[in-house]
Amino acid sequence: MKKIGIISDTHGYWDDRYAIHFADCDEVWIAGDIGDYGIVERFQEIVPVVRAVSGNIDHGMVRRKCRELEIFDVEDVKVLLTHIGGYPGKWAKGMKKMLQEEGINLMIDGHSHILKVIYDKELDLLHINPGAAGQAGWHKVRTLVRLTIEGNDMKDCEIIELSKGN
């Protein structure tokens, strides 16, 4: 069993509540627009495994250390992590074909700053966009996601809202 913290679009902003909400996680996945590689390093101090991809605003160290797309297995779930991927019914160009060919069970992306958790019946996969955790952008509520993966079961999906008071 693995507990996963999922975050995107920090745009270089660190909130100490990230560490509080992800403290019991085995892994943190960062779906791009990190903004500063120091964000990745701070997560590495908190959890055993950090997986991060670069986004369209990223440059410098983030671009050098983080690829645009990662495919990996956690337990018995095949995961695709990227920044711009679309969502069920509106996949980015070539994404649907890649998801099918790679046999992806869980697709994580960011970019839109819109929180989405959608099951795609056609592709038999779960899509998660954790929304935006940073302060840059038009979103009004900053969000994070926690998820448990046990075998091939994805469960206990939690949405965390980072309002001014919590």
Protein backbone atom coordinates (compact mmCIF):
# COMPACT_ATOMS: atom_id res chain seq x y z
CA MET A 1 0.00 0.00 0.00
CA LYS A 2 1.27 3.46 -0.96
CA LYS A 3 -0.09 6.83 0.08
CA ILE A 4 0.45 9.44 -2.62
CA GLY A 5 0.40 13.23 -2.38
CA ILE A 6 -0.40 14.95 -5.69
CA ILE A 7 0.32 18.62 -6.37
CA SER A 8 0.70 20.91 -9.35
CA ASP A 9 1.27 24.52 -10.33
CA THR A 10 3.14 25.78 -7.28
CA HIS A 11 4.84 28.41 -9.50
CA GLY A 12 7.73 28.62 -7.02
CA TYR A 13 5.48 29.10 -3.98
CA TRP A 14 6.00 26.96 -0.85
CA ASP A 15 3.33 26.62 1.82
CA ASP A 16 4.32 24.78 5.02
CA ARG A 17 0.90 23.11 4.93
CA TYR A 18 2.12 21.00 2.00
CA ALA A 19 4.44 19.24 4.44
CA ILE A 20 1.66 18.80 6.99
CA HIS A 21 -0.81 17.31 4.50
CA PHE A 22 1.79 15.05 2.83
CA ALA A 23 3.71 14.02 5.98
CA ASP A 24 2.31 10.47 6.01
CA CYS A 25 2.68 9.95 2.25
CA ASP A 26 5.11 7.47 0.72
CA GLU A 27 5.43 9.52 -2.46
CA VAL A 28 4.70 13.02 -3.75
CA TRP A 29 3.96 13.57 -7.44
CA ILE A 30 4.40 17.08 -8.84
CA ALA A 31 2.56 17.66 -12.13
CA GLY A 32 4.62 20.58 -13.44
CA ASP A 33 4.85 24.35 -13.25
CA ILE A 34 7.08 23.88 -10.22
CA GLY A 35 8.76 27.25 -10.71
CA ASP A 36 11.77 26.59 -8.48
CA TYR A 37 13.66 23.31 -8.03
CA GLY A 38 13.82 24.09 -4.31
CA ILE A 39 10.18 22.93 -4.13
CA VAL A 40 11.25 19.43 -5.23
CA GLU A 41 14.11 19.46 -2.71
CA ARG A 42 11.78 20.43 0.13
CA PHE A 43 9.48 17.52 -0.70
CA GLN A 44 12.53 15.21 -0.77
CA GLU A 45 13.09 16.11 2.89
CA ILE A 46 9.53 15.03 3.75
CA VAL A 47 8.79 11.85 1.78
CA PRO A 48 10.87 8.90 0.55
CA VAL A 49 10.02 9.31 -3.17
CA VAL A 50 9.34 12.48 -5.19
CA ARG A 51 8.37 12.26 -8.85
CA ALA A 52 8.20 15.54 -10.73
CA VAL A 53 7.71 16.69 -14.31
CA SER A 54 8.40 20.10 -15.78
CA GLY A 55 5.66 22.38 -17.04
CA ASN A 56 5.38 25.20 -19.53
CA ILE A 57 6.63 27.90 -17.09
CA ASP A 58 9.59 25.86 -15.87
CA HIS A 59 13.18 26.61 -16.83
CA GLY A 60 16.71 26.25 -15.47
CA MET A 61 17.25 23.49 -12.92
CA VAL A 62 13.65 22.25 -13.13
CA ARG A 63 14.02 21.69 -16.90
CA ARG A 64 17.41 20.05 -16.45
CA LYS A 65 16.26 17.63 -13.73
CA CYS A 66 12.60 16.97 -14.63
CA ARG A 67 11.36 15.48 -17.86
CA GLU A 68 8.05 16.55 -19.42
CA LEU A 69 6.48 13.13 -19.02
CA GLU A 70 7.06 10.15 -16.73
CA ILE A 71 5.54 6.67 -16.92
CA PHE A 72 6.03 4.40 -13.92
CA ASP A 73 4.40 1.66 -11.84
CA VAL A 74 3.22 2.00 -8.25
CA GLU A 75 1.97 -1.26 -6.79
CA ASP A 76 0.01 -2.73 -9.75
CA VAL A 77 -1.02 0.64 -11.22
CA LYS A 78 0.64 2.08 -14.32
CA VAL A 79 0.86 5.87 -14.00
CA LEU A 80 1.47 8.65 -16.51
CA LEU A 81 2.55 11.98 -14.98
CA THR A 82 2.75 15.10 -17.15
CA HIS A 83 1.84 18.77 -17.05
CA ILE A 84 -0.37 19.27 -20.12
CA GLY A 85 -2.43 16.20 -20.96
CA GLY A 86 -6.06 17.21 -21.16
CA TYR A 87 -8.80 15.13 -19.60
CA PRO A 88 -11.40 12.52 -20.63
CA GLY A 89 -13.22 13.74 -23.71
CA LYS A 90 -10.65 16.51 -24.31
CA TRP A 91 -7.25 14.81 -24.33
CA ALA A 92 -4.24 16.76 -25.62
CA LYS A 93 -3.06 15.80 -29.12
CA GLY A 94 -1.69 12.25 -29.13
CA MET A 95 -2.45 11.66 -25.44
CA LYS A 96 -5.37 9.26 -25.89
CA LYS A 97 -3.31 7.05 -28.18
CA MET A 98 -0.38 7.06 -25.74
CA LEU A 99 -2.65 6.19 -22.80
CA GLN A 100 -4.07 3.25 -24.77
CA GLU A 101 -0.72 1.99 -26.08
CA GLU A 102 0.98 2.22 -22.67
CA GLY A 103 -1.94 0.62 -20.80
CA ILE A 104 -2.15 3.52 -18.34
CA ASN A 105 -4.43 3.07 -15.30
CA LEU A 106 -3.89 6.49 -13.70
CA MET A 107 -3.15 9.74 -15.53
CA ILE A 108 -2.02 12.81 -13.58
CA ASP A 109 -1.60 16.29 -15.05
CA GLY A 110 -1.88 19.96 -14.10
CA HIS A 111 -1.76 23.17 -16.14
CA SER A 112 -5.45 24.19 -16.10
CA HIS A 113 -5.51 25.16 -12.39
CA ILE A 114 -8.85 23.30 -12.34
CA LEU A 115 -9.26 20.40 -9.93
CA LYS A 116 -10.61 17.33 -11.75
CA VAL A 117 -11.01 13.71 -10.71
CA ILE A 118 -12.64 11.84 -13.60
CA TYR A 119 -12.95 8.16 -14.43
CA ASP A 120 -12.63 7.51 -18.17
CA LYS A 121 -14.86 4.51 -18.94
CA GLU A 122 -13.60 4.19 -22.51
CA LEU A 123 -9.93 3.96 -21.52
CA ASP A 124 -10.62 2.34 -18.12
CA LEU A 125 -8.42 4.84 -16.28
CA LEU A 126 -8.62 7.44 -13.58
CA HIS A 127 -7.62 11.00 -14.45
CA ILE A 128 -6.56 13.43 -11.71
CA ASN A 129 -5.66 17.09 -12.04
CA PRO A 130 -4.96 18.34 -8.50
CA GLY A 131 -5.70 21.96 -9.44
CA ALA A 132 -3.18 24.61 -8.42
CA ALA A 133 -1.33 24.81 -5.11
CA GLY A 134 0.54 28.06 -5.71
CA GLN A 135 -0.59 31.66 -5.58
CA ALA A 136 0.00 32.56 -9.26
CA GLY A 137 -3.02 32.18 -11.51
CA TRP A 138 -6.72 32.86 -11.58
CA HIS A 139 -7.87 30.10 -9.20
CA LYS A 140 -9.50 31.20 -5.94
CA VAL A 141 -8.85 28.06 -3.88
CA ARG A 142 -5.52 26.26 -3.79
CA THR A 143 -5.88 22.47 -3.83
CA LEU A 144 -3.93 19.25 -3.21
CA VAL A 145 -4.93 15.60 -3.61
CA ARG A 146 -4.08 12.51 -1.57
CA LEU A 147 -4.67 9.02 -2.92
CA THR A 148 -4.00 5.48 -1.68
CA ILE A 149 -2.90 2.77 -4.09
CA GLU A 150 -3.10 -0.83 -2.93
CA GLY A 151 -2.39 -3.44 -5.57
CA ASN A 152 -4.46 -2.27 -8.52
CA ASP A 153 -6.98 -0.48 -6.29
CA MET A 154 -6.96 3.34 -6.23
CA LYS A 155 -8.93 4.48 -3.20
CA ASP A 156 -9.39 7.05 -0.45
CA CYS A 157 -9.04 9.98 -2.83
CA GLU A 158 -9.01 13.16 -0.72
CA ILE A 159 -9.30 16.73 -1.93
CA ILE A 160 -7.53 19.24 0.32
CA GLU A 161 -8.44 22.90 0.03
CA LEU A 162 -5.85 25.37 1.25
CA SER A 163 -8.00 28.33 2.17
CA LYS A 164 -6.56 31.22 4.14
CA GLY A 165 -7.71 29.70 7.42
CA ASN A 166 -6.36 26.12 7.20
